Protein backbone atom coordinates (compact mmCIF):
# COMPACT_ATOMS: atom_id res chain seq x y z
CA MET A 1 120.88 78.71 153.71
CA ARG A 2 121.05 77.33 150.17
CA SER A 3 119.46 74.03 151.11
CA GLN A 4 116.63 75.79 152.92
CA ILE A 5 115.87 77.94 149.90
CA GLY A 6 115.93 74.92 147.64
CA GLN A 7 113.56 73.04 149.97
CA ARG A 8 111.14 75.96 150.06
CA THR A 9 111.19 76.25 146.30
CA ILE A 10 110.50 72.57 145.76
CA LEU A 11 107.77 72.65 148.37
CA LEU A 12 106.13 75.63 146.65
CA SER A 13 106.16 73.94 143.27
CA THR A 14 104.80 70.64 144.57
CA ARG A 15 101.92 72.37 146.26
CA ARG A 16 100.80 73.92 142.98
CA VAL A 17 101.19 70.87 140.72
CA LYS A 18 98.36 68.33 140.59
CA VAL A 19 99.80 64.84 140.12
CA PRO A 20 97.46 62.35 138.40
CA ARG A 21 96.47 59.47 140.65
CA GLU A 22 97.02 56.92 137.87
CA ALA A 23 100.65 57.95 137.29
CA THR A 24 103.30 55.93 139.10
CA LYS A 25 107.06 55.77 139.05
CA GLU A 26 106.87 52.99 136.45
CA GLU A 27 104.09 54.54 134.33
CA HIS A 28 104.36 57.95 132.75
CA PRO A 29 101.34 59.90 131.55
CA PRO A 30 100.99 60.65 127.82
CA ALA A 31 102.98 63.58 126.44
CA ASP A 32 99.99 65.94 126.18
CA GLU A 33 98.81 65.02 129.69
CA ALA A 34 102.29 65.40 131.13
CA PHE A 35 102.53 68.83 129.49
CA ASN A 36 99.21 69.87 130.99
CA HIS A 37 100.36 68.86 134.50
CA SER A 38 103.84 70.33 134.34
CA PRO A 39 104.61 73.27 136.67
CA PRO A 40 103.13 76.57 135.51
CA ILE A 41 105.50 78.85 133.64
CA ASP A 42 105.53 81.45 136.41
CA VAL A 43 106.65 78.77 138.91
CA LEU A 44 109.49 77.73 136.62
CA ILE A 45 110.60 81.33 136.27
CA PHE A 46 110.39 81.72 140.05
CA ILE A 47 112.63 78.67 140.55
CA LEU A 48 115.22 79.88 138.02
CA MET A 49 115.31 83.36 139.50
CA TRP A 50 115.77 81.95 143.02
CA LYS A 51 118.71 79.88 141.82
CA CYS A 52 120.28 83.00 140.32
CA VAL A 53 119.82 84.87 143.59
CA ASP A 54 121.35 81.99 145.52
CA LYS A 55 124.49 82.05 143.38
CA MET A 56 125.01 85.80 143.70
CA ARG A 57 126.88 85.52 147.02
CA CYS A 58 128.71 88.78 146.53
CA PHE A 59 125.45 90.72 146.73
CA ARG A 60 124.54 92.19 150.07
CA LYS A 61 121.21 91.50 151.69
CA ARG A 62 120.01 95.05 151.05
CA SER A 63 120.31 94.45 147.27
CA VAL A 64 118.51 91.10 147.38
CA PHE A 65 115.25 92.27 148.97
CA PRO A 66 114.51 95.05 146.41
CA PHE A 67 115.17 92.50 143.71
CA LEU A 68 112.71 90.07 145.28
CA GLY A 69 110.11 92.83 145.43
CA PHE A 70 110.61 93.49 141.73
CA LEU A 71 110.32 89.77 141.02
CA ILE A 72 107.01 89.48 142.88
CA VAL A 73 105.54 92.44 140.96
CA PHE A 74 106.77 90.90 137.72
CA LEU A 75 105.06 87.59 138.49
CA LEU A 76 101.81 89.32 139.38
CA PHE A 77 101.75 91.12 136.05
CA PHE A 78 102.74 87.94 134.28
CA ASN A 79 99.77 86.11 135.81
CA LEU A 80 97.43 88.92 134.80
CA TYR A 81 98.86 88.77 131.30
CA MET A 82 98.10 85.06 131.11
CA ASP A 83 94.66 85.34 132.69
CA ASP A 84 93.54 87.95 130.16
CA GLY A 85 94.36 85.60 127.31
CA PHE A 86 96.85 87.87 125.61
CA VAL A 87 99.81 85.51 125.56
CA LEU A 88 100.77 84.31 122.10
CA GLU A 89 100.21 80.55 122.00
CA ALA A 90 100.66 77.92 119.33
CA GLU A 91 97.42 76.19 118.45
CA LYS A 92 97.12 72.81 116.78
CA ARG A 93 98.79 72.63 113.40
CA GLN A 94 95.80 73.26 111.20
CA LEU A 95 97.94 74.82 108.52
CA GLY A 96 101.19 72.91 108.34
CA GLU A 97 103.91 75.00 109.95
CA THR A 98 101.58 77.97 110.49
CA LEU A 99 101.55 79.50 113.95
CA ILE A 100 98.18 80.93 114.97
CA GLN A 101 98.81 83.97 117.13
CA PRO A 102 96.16 86.05 118.90
CA SER A 103 97.78 89.40 119.62
CA SER A 104 97.22 92.00 122.30
CA SER A 105 97.46 94.87 119.82
CA GLU A 106 94.31 96.55 118.55
CA ARG A 107 95.93 96.48 115.17
CA TYR A 108 95.66 92.73 114.93
CA VAL A 109 92.66 91.72 117.02
CA HIS A 110 89.42 93.56 116.35
CA THR A 111 85.88 93.32 117.67
CA PHE A 112 82.91 93.16 115.33
CA THR A 113 79.37 93.78 116.48
CA ASP A 114 77.29 90.80 115.46
CA LEU A 115 75.07 92.72 113.08
CA SER A 116 72.80 89.80 112.28
CA ASN A 117 70.96 90.18 115.58
CA PHE A 118 72.45 93.42 116.95
CA SER A 119 73.51 91.75 120.17
CA GLY A 120 76.82 90.56 121.52
CA THR A 121 80.24 90.96 119.97
CA ARG A 122 82.44 88.84 117.77
CA ASN A 123 86.16 88.75 118.41
CA VAL A 124 88.09 87.95 115.26
CA THR A 125 91.50 86.36 115.74
CA TYR A 126 93.48 86.27 112.52
CA ARG A 127 95.93 83.59 111.52
CA TYR A 128 99.27 85.02 110.44
CA LEU A 129 100.38 82.74 107.62
CA ALA A 130 103.38 84.80 106.51
CA GLY A 131 104.91 88.02 107.84
CA ILE A 132 103.92 90.31 110.70
CA PRO A 133 102.76 93.95 110.62
CA VAL A 134 105.40 96.62 111.07
CA PRO A 135 104.99 98.90 114.12
CA HIS A 136 104.72 102.16 112.15
CA LYS A 137 102.07 103.25 109.66
CA LYS A 138 102.78 103.18 105.93
CA TYR A 139 101.30 105.50 103.31
CA LEU A 140 99.26 102.85 101.47
CA THR A 141 97.94 99.37 102.20
CA ILE A 142 97.03 97.22 99.20
CA GLY A 143 94.47 94.55 100.06
CA LEU A 144 93.88 91.32 98.13
CA SER A 145 91.39 88.58 98.95
CA SER A 146 91.90 85.25 97.21
CA VAL A 147 90.17 81.86 97.05
CA LYS A 148 90.94 78.64 95.20
CA ARG A 149 89.87 78.78 91.55
CA LYS A 150 88.71 75.89 89.43
CA LYS A 151 90.74 77.26 86.52
CA GLY A 152 93.87 79.38 86.73
CA ASN A 153 95.45 81.20 89.65
CA TYR A 154 96.77 84.71 89.18
CA LEU A 155 97.61 85.73 92.75
CA LEU A 156 101.38 85.28 92.43
CA GLU A 157 101.42 87.30 89.20
CA THR A 158 99.43 90.07 90.89
CA ILE A 159 101.81 90.27 93.86
CA LYS A 160 104.79 90.27 91.48
CA SER A 161 103.29 93.09 89.42
CA ILE A 162 102.75 95.23 92.53
CA PHE A 163 106.39 94.93 93.59
CA ASP A 164 107.96 94.99 90.11
CA GLN A 165 106.10 98.15 89.09
CA SER A 166 107.23 100.07 92.19
CA SER A 167 110.50 101.89 92.73
CA TYR A 168 112.65 101.28 95.78
CA GLU A 169 111.40 104.51 97.36
CA GLU A 170 107.78 103.57 96.65
CA LEU A 171 108.23 100.14 98.22
CA LYS A 172 109.07 101.84 101.52
CA GLU A 173 105.58 103.36 101.61
CA ILE A 174 103.39 100.33 100.87
CA VAL A 175 102.32 97.12 102.56
CA VAL A 176 100.48 94.33 100.74
CA VAL A 177 98.01 92.24 102.75
CA VAL A 178 96.76 89.00 101.20
CA HIS A 179 93.71 87.37 102.78
CA LEU A 180 93.54 83.68 101.85
CA ALA A 181 89.80 83.29 102.26
CA ASP A 182 89.46 79.66 101.25
CA PHE A 183 88.68 77.07 103.91
CA ASP A 184 90.78 74.40 102.18
CA LEU A 185 93.74 74.48 104.57
CA VAL A 186 95.91 72.22 102.41
CA TRP A 187 95.52 74.62 99.49
CA CYS A 188 96.35 77.53 101.79
CA GLU A 189 99.43 75.79 103.14
CA ASN A 190 100.79 75.05 99.67
CA LEU A 191 100.13 78.58 98.46
CA VAL A 192 101.75 80.13 101.53
CA GLN A 193 104.86 78.05 100.94
CA GLU A 194 105.03 79.25 97.35
CA ILE A 195 104.48 82.89 98.33
CA SER A 196 107.13 82.62 101.03
CA ARG A 197 109.62 81.13 98.60
CA LYS A 198 109.10 83.74 95.85
CA PHE A 199 108.68 86.86 98.00
CA ALA A 200 110.78 86.07 101.09
CA HIS A 201 112.67 89.38 101.06
CA HIS A 202 109.42 91.38 100.90
CA ILE A 203 108.00 89.39 103.82
CA ILE A 204 111.15 89.98 105.89
CA ALA A 205 111.02 93.71 105.04
CA GLY A 206 107.42 93.92 106.32
CA ARG A 207 105.99 94.72 102.87
CA LEU A 208 103.95 91.53 102.51
CA LEU A 209 101.58 89.82 104.96
CA VAL A 210 99.42 86.76 104.40
CA ILE A 211 96.51 86.29 106.80
CA GLN A 212 93.34 84.26 107.25
CA ALA A 213 90.12 84.79 109.18
CA PRO A 214 89.08 81.33 110.46
CA GLU A 215 85.82 79.84 109.25
CA GLU A 216 84.19 79.89 112.69
CA PHE A 217 84.07 83.71 112.63
CA TYR A 218 82.05 83.88 109.40
CA PRO A 219 78.31 84.62 109.41
CA SER A 220 75.95 81.88 108.30
CA LEU A 221 76.17 80.99 104.62
CA ASP A 222 73.09 78.76 104.63
CA GLY A 223 69.50 79.76 103.93
CA LEU A 224 70.52 83.07 102.35
CA LYS A 225 68.16 85.46 100.57
CA ARG A 226 67.64 84.71 96.87
CA ASN A 227 67.80 88.32 95.70
CA TYR A 228 67.87 89.10 91.95
CA ASN A 229 66.78 85.53 91.26
CA ASP A 230 70.39 84.36 91.57
CA PRO A 231 70.96 80.61 91.98
CA GLU A 232 71.70 79.42 95.50
CA ASP A 233 75.40 78.74 94.89
CA ARG A 234 75.85 82.20 93.34
CA VAL A 235 74.24 83.84 96.37
CA ARG A 236 76.49 81.86 98.69
CA PHE A 237 79.59 82.82 96.67
CA ARG A 238 78.93 86.57 96.64
CA SER A 239 77.77 86.59 100.28
CA LYS A 240 80.96 84.90 101.42
CA GLN A 241 82.97 87.30 99.27
CA ASN A 242 81.42 90.24 101.15
CA ALA A 243 82.51 88.66 104.42
CA ASP A 244 85.98 87.97 102.99
CA TYR A 245 86.43 91.63 102.17
CA ALA A 246 84.98 92.73 105.52
CA PHE A 247 87.55 90.73 107.49
CA LEU A 248 90.35 92.01 105.24
CA LEU A 249 89.27 95.64 105.67
CA ASN A 250 88.97 95.20 109.42
CA PHE A 251 92.52 93.85 109.66
CA CYS A 252 94.00 96.69 107.59
CA THR A 253 92.40 99.54 109.55
CA ASN A 254 95.52 100.86 111.27
CA LEU A 255 98.28 99.83 108.89
CA SER A 256 98.43 102.99 106.77
CA ASP A 257 96.85 106.34 105.91
CA PHE A 258 95.15 105.08 102.74
CA TYR A 259 93.83 101.73 101.55
CA MET A 260 93.62 100.38 98.01
CA MET A 261 91.46 97.37 97.17
CA LEU A 262 92.58 95.13 94.32
CA GLU A 263 91.39 91.78 93.08
CA ASP A 264 93.76 88.82 92.86
CA ASP A 265 94.07 88.88 89.05
CA VAL A 266 95.36 92.38 88.35
CA ARG A 267 98.30 93.96 86.53
CA CYS A 268 99.62 97.34 87.70
CA SER A 269 100.94 100.33 85.79
CA ARG A 270 104.49 101.49 86.42
CA ASN A 271 104.99 103.75 89.46
CA PHE A 272 101.28 103.56 90.26
CA LEU A 273 101.93 104.80 93.82
CA THR A 274 103.45 108.04 92.55
CA ALA A 275 100.40 108.52 90.33
CA LEU A 276 98.10 107.87 93.30
CA LYS A 277 99.94 110.39 95.44
CA LYS A 278 99.61 113.02 92.72
CA VAL A 279 95.86 112.52 92.62
CA ILE A 280 95.50 112.51 96.41
CA THR A 281 97.53 115.73 96.64
CA SER A 282 95.36 117.37 93.99
CA ARG A 283 92.25 116.50 96.05
CA GLU A 284 93.49 118.15 99.25
CA GLY A 285 90.77 120.27 100.77
CA SER A 286 87.98 118.43 98.94
CA TYR A 287 85.75 115.75 100.40
CA TRP A 288 85.82 112.23 99.05
CA VAL A 289 85.03 108.73 100.27
CA MET A 290 86.18 106.55 97.37
CA LEU A 291 88.48 107.35 94.44
CA GLU A 292 88.46 104.92 91.52
CA PHE A 293 91.50 104.05 89.40
CA SER A 294 89.81 101.36 87.33
CA LYS A 295 86.28 101.06 86.00
CA LEU A 296 86.11 97.31 86.59
CA GLY A 297 84.65 95.49 89.61
CA TYR A 298 86.38 95.90 92.95
CA ILE A 299 89.69 96.91 91.33
CA GLY A 300 91.59 100.09 92.13
CA LYS A 301 89.22 101.51 94.76
CA LEU A 302 90.95 103.89 97.18
CA TYR A 303 89.73 104.79 100.69
CA HIS A 304 90.89 106.68 103.74
CA SER A 305 91.91 104.02 106.25
CA ARG A 306 89.77 105.74 108.86
CA ASP A 307 86.66 104.66 106.89
CA LEU A 308 87.56 100.97 106.83
CA PRO A 309 85.82 99.97 110.10
CA ARG A 310 82.52 101.42 108.87
CA LEU A 311 82.91 99.78 105.47
CA ALA A 312 83.71 96.42 107.09
CA HIS A 313 80.60 96.62 109.28
CA PHE A 314 78.53 97.71 106.28
CA LEU A 315 79.61 94.71 104.21
CA LEU A 316 78.83 92.34 107.09
CA MET A 317 75.47 93.93 107.78
CA PHE A 318 74.29 93.50 104.18
CA TYR A 319 76.50 90.59 103.16
CA GLN A 320 73.61 88.55 101.72
CA GLU A 321 71.77 91.39 100.01
CA MET A 322 73.88 92.09 96.89
CA PRO A 323 77.40 91.84 95.40
CA CYS A 324 80.22 93.87 96.97
CA ASP A 325 80.66 96.31 94.07
CA TRP A 326 76.98 97.26 94.35
CA LEU A 327 77.27 97.71 98.11
CA LEU A 328 80.19 100.10 97.55
CA ILE A 329 77.95 102.44 95.58
CA HIS A 330 75.48 102.59 98.46
CA PHE A 331 78.30 103.05 100.99
CA ARG A 332 79.83 106.13 99.37
CA GLY A 333 76.33 107.55 98.82
CA LEU A 334 75.50 107.17 102.51
CA LEU A 335 78.74 109.00 103.33
CA ALA A 336 77.62 111.88 101.07
CA GLN A 337 79.76 111.26 97.98
CA LYS A 338 77.08 111.40 95.35
CA ASP A 339 79.12 111.09 92.16
CA VAL A 340 81.74 108.63 90.98
CA ILE A 341 85.26 110.08 91.11
CA ARG A 342 87.22 108.04 88.59
CA PHE A 343 90.59 108.92 87.13
CA LYS A 344 92.15 108.36 83.75
CA PRO A 345 94.29 106.67 82.75
CA SER A 346 93.41 103.60 84.80
CA LEU A 347 96.29 102.31 86.91
CA PHE A 348 95.17 98.67 87.13
CA GLN A 349 94.15 96.14 84.52
CA HIS A 350 92.17 92.92 84.89
CA MET A 351 94.31 90.08 83.53
CA GLY A 352 92.41 86.92 84.50
CA TYR A 353 90.57 84.82 81.92
CA TYR A 354 88.63 82.67 84.36
CA SER A 355 86.39 83.88 87.18
CA SER A 356 86.79 82.65 90.74
CA TYR A 357 83.10 81.69 90.51
CA LYS A 358 82.86 78.27 88.84
CA GLY A 359 85.80 79.05 86.57
CA ALA A 360 83.56 80.92 84.11
CA GLU A 361 85.28 82.97 81.43
CA ASN A 362 85.83 86.61 82.32
CA LYS A 363 87.78 88.51 79.69
CA LEU A 364 86.81 92.02 80.76
CA LYS A 365 89.51 94.63 80.06
CA ASP A 366 89.79 98.28 81.04
CA ASP A 367 90.41 100.22 77.82
CA ASP A 368 91.54 103.25 79.84
CA PHE A 369 94.51 101.37 81.31
CA GLU A 370 98.02 102.61 80.51
CA GLU A 371 101.17 100.70 81.38
CA ASP A 372 103.13 103.89 82.07
CA ALA A 373 101.24 106.10 84.53
CA VAL A 374 104.13 108.45 85.34
CA ASP A 375 102.73 110.95 82.83
CA ILE A 376 99.74 111.71 85.06
CA PRO A 377 99.90 115.45 85.86
CA ASP A 378 100.67 116.74 89.33
CA ASN A 379 98.12 119.59 89.38
CA PRO A 380 99.20 121.10 92.73
CA PRO A 381 96.45 122.40 95.05
CA ALA A 382 94.91 125.57 93.67
CA SER A 383 91.78 127.70 93.34
CA MET A 384 90.01 128.37 90.03
CA TYR A 385 88.33 131.59 88.86
CA THR A 386 86.66 132.62 85.61
CA ASN A 387 84.45 135.42 84.34
CA ILE A 388 83.05 133.24 81.56
CA ASN A 389 79.36 132.46 82.02
CA VAL A 390 79.28 128.87 83.35
CA PHE A 391 76.71 126.40 81.99
CA GLU A 392 74.80 124.52 84.68
CA ASN A 393 77.24 122.69 87.01
CA TYR A 394 80.22 122.44 84.62
CA ASP A 395 82.28 124.71 86.85
CA ALA A 396 85.94 125.68 86.54
CA THR A 397 87.25 123.10 89.02
CA LYS A 398 86.24 120.25 86.72
CA ALA A 399 88.80 121.24 84.10
CA TYR A 400 91.60 121.05 86.68
CA SER A 401 90.68 117.60 87.94
CA THR A 402 92.05 114.42 86.39
CA VAL A 403 88.54 112.98 86.67
CA ASP A 404 86.71 112.48 83.37
CA GLU A 405 84.81 115.82 83.48
CA TYR A 406 85.27 119.33 82.11
CA PHE A 407 84.48 123.05 82.32
CA TRP A 408 81.74 124.29 79.97
CA GLY A 409 80.95 127.95 79.44
CA LYS A 410 78.83 130.06 77.15
CA PRO A 411 80.47 131.97 74.23
CA PRO A 412 83.43 133.96 75.64
CA SER A 413 84.42 137.49 74.67
CA THR A 414 87.77 139.18 74.19
CA GLY A 415 89.52 139.62 77.53
CA ASP A 416 87.63 136.85 79.32
CA PHE A 417 89.85 134.56 81.37
CA PHE A 418 90.18 131.22 83.10
CA LEU A 419 92.53 131.59 86.08
CA ILE A 420 94.33 129.09 88.31
CA ILE A 421 95.98 130.37 91.51
CA PHE A 422 98.18 127.94 93.44
CA ASN A 423 98.01 127.66 97.21
CA LYS A 424 101.76 128.33 97.20
CA SER A 425 104.27 129.29 94.51
CA THR A 426 105.42 126.27 92.51
CA LYS A 427 108.09 125.31 89.99
CA ILE A 428 106.28 124.09 86.86
CA SER A 429 108.07 122.08 84.20
CA ARG A 430 105.24 121.46 81.73
CA ILE A 431 101.77 122.79 80.96
CA LYS A 432 99.19 121.20 78.67
CA ILE A 433 95.65 122.51 78.11
CA VAL A 434 93.08 120.87 75.82
CA THR A 435 89.70 122.37 74.87
CA GLY A 436 86.66 120.77 73.23
CA THR A 437 85.63 117.11 73.22
CA GLU A 438 85.18 114.44 70.57
CA GLU A 439 81.41 114.94 70.77
CA ARG A 440 81.63 118.77 70.66
CA GLN A 441 84.63 119.58 68.50
CA ASN A 442 83.47 123.14 67.78
CA ASP A 443 83.42 124.12 71.48
CA VAL A 444 87.14 124.85 71.49
CA LEU A 445 89.10 128.02 72.21
CA HIS A 446 89.68 129.46 68.74
CA HIS A 447 91.84 132.40 69.83
CA GLY A 448 93.60 132.47 73.17
CA ALA A 449 96.92 132.79 75.00
CA LEU A 450 98.57 130.99 77.93
CA GLU A 451 100.15 133.14 80.63
CA VAL A 452 101.94 132.53 83.93
CA GLY A 453 102.19 135.05 86.75
CA GLN A 454 103.64 135.87 90.15
CA LYS A 455 102.88 137.96 93.27
CA ALA A 456 99.23 136.97 93.77
CA ALA A 457 97.09 139.41 95.77
CA ASP A 458 93.46 140.33 96.37
CA THR A 459 92.06 143.09 94.13
CA LYS A 460 88.67 144.66 93.43
CA GLN A 461 88.30 142.25 90.53
CA GLY A 462 89.18 139.29 92.76
CA ARG A 463 92.46 137.54 93.44
CA GLN A 464 95.03 138.15 90.70
CA CYS A 465 98.75 138.04 90.05
CA ALA A 466 100.54 141.38 89.73
CA SER A 467 102.41 140.49 86.53
CA TYR A 468 102.17 137.88 83.78
CA ILE A 469 104.39 136.45 81.04
CA THR A 470 102.89 134.93 77.88
CA LEU A 471 104.13 131.42 77.10
CA GLY A 472 102.31 130.85 73.81
CA GLU A 473 99.12 130.89 71.73
CA PHE A 474 96.46 128.19 71.38
CA LYS A 475 96.52 126.25 68.12
CA GLY A 476 93.69 123.95 67.10
CA GLY A 477 92.13 124.42 70.54
CA SER A 478 95.11 123.24 72.60
CA ILE A 479 98.54 124.25 73.82
CA GLU A 480 101.50 122.44 75.36
CA VAL A 481 104.64 124.11 76.70
CA GLU A 482 107.62 122.16 78.02
CA HIS A 483 110.64 123.25 80.11
CA VAL A 484 108.62 126.10 81.59
CA ASP A 485 110.98 126.40 84.57
CA ARG A 486 113.88 127.10 82.18
CA LYS A 487 111.98 129.80 80.29
CA ILE A 488 111.01 131.99 83.26
CA GLY A 489 112.97 133.22 86.24
CA PHE A 490 110.42 132.84 89.03
CA ASP A 491 108.22 130.29 90.79
CA ILE A 492 104.71 130.39 89.36
CA GLU A 493 101.69 131.47 91.39
CA CYS A 494 99.13 131.87 88.58
CA VAL A 495 98.32 130.13 85.30
CA ARG A 496 95.87 132.06 83.11
CA VAL A 497 94.07 131.35 79.85
CA VAL A 498 93.06 134.60 78.14
CA VAL A 499 90.53 134.84 75.30
CA THR A 500 92.10 137.07 72.60
CA ALA A 501 89.07 137.19 70.27
CA SER A 502 85.34 136.75 70.82
CA GLN A 503 83.65 133.62 69.44
CA ARG A 504 80.10 132.44 68.85
CA GLU A 505 80.74 128.86 69.92
CA TRP A 506 80.58 127.77 73.53
CA LEU A 507 83.84 126.85 75.25
CA ILE A 508 84.81 123.51 76.81
CA ILE A 509 88.11 123.34 78.68
CA ARG A 510 88.53 119.59 78.89
CA THR A 511 91.81 119.29 80.80
CA VAL A 512 94.37 121.54 82.44
CA SER A 513 97.47 119.44 83.14
CA LEU A 514 100.47 120.74 85.06
CA TRP A 515 103.68 118.93 85.90
CA THR A 516 105.91 120.17 88.69
CA VAL A 517 109.70 119.93 88.78
CA GLN A 518 110.54 116.53 90.25
CA PRO A 519 113.66 115.70 92.27
CA ALA A 520 116.25 113.70 90.35
CA GLY A 521 115.95 109.93 90.70
CA GLN A 522 112.33 109.92 91.92
CA PHE A 523 111.22 107.31 89.40
CA ARG A 524 112.67 103.90 88.83
CA LYS A 525 114.46 103.50 85.52
């Protein structure tokens, strides 16, 4: 029985293998040719499985036949898997030890419509140079695109700043994706080795990935439009940069809930993720496309990950028209975000001295950057009400936002109020309210009180709290109260500013900043 099975197996394999006519017993084909004519992998598996079955003499015949049926089904699916081109295979070593792996997951292999002629599709297969994506979504993806610079290289410092300025708990919620967008494969190989050596534990933990979109997937970079009278090499540089970002955005689509774009020469503020989360929480219920945490270039721009496919297509469609930071303005406008939503203090600072374009000097700095961003207020979700006559569109909500804007009302009278009602009762540790601006120093609240209340309910005069406690009086147009949670015996539902004396000057409430009680050990020491 055994010999018959062995004969059948050998016969099956010889029928499927094509032996070169030139090969003889004395002459062996070259290694590559021999590999190409070796038995297919499914045949080898079939042979091994048959040998296992042959050795399992203690099994009864009724257990062998179901097993053979399972084996046949397995081989059928295996063949389909190979035919569809989804098997991971090692390509030629174009990048040293790099393994180029097309994946079957939508997360890693995406299809772009070829927007240059609106016909056909473009399948982009990324090279994984270091790390692999984790199977579950994170809170935030941080994307960096980097090319070889003629002077200086700040990528390693940028990656280090991201990780060093994050607490252990914050690191669990982020993934950093670096797109090496230079076609110099030797440079890429050397940089990948350096990144892998310095950040090995982050790569193993799934917090750092290094990828590359191969050159053959890029749109044409020759004969580009000479918009804005830019020189030809400048047009080529910025057009390629648009494509670089498009491929990076496309890759990051399903990695997290939110996406932050940084440049490769950036320094981060401490606990920047916690600051981001505070801002995102404060914007719940409001519509936004892009939030900005730096006023420079393509630094600190935050998106919903669900918008990344559209943004990637948009950058590819107009890649030769204008620089990426200009395209971003048009993109958010098309998605109905008319105004810039930028937050202070800035969470990211440009640190490079030399541009990636021709090594030109670029010493731009963001003067709104602060190294310690933990002091950004929480401002939990709430609704704002006031009976002060509002001037134009300077409504009450603008005082509660951390965006650089404010509430502006006409001269208030005694008893007028500015009211904040939380969506749910909250423990507040600190309250700070500032009125007036540097340009309009007289438009401050000259006489007013700060109150907190509980038991919010709808009344004839609108939604109000049933009872209030006064925390203090305004002095010099501002007030700050700390340890609020220790001074009152209830969770707060309302914060109210009450005008205690009429004034002739208009009133600007520049900022209303609230800090909630944080769990112990939230921030890294």
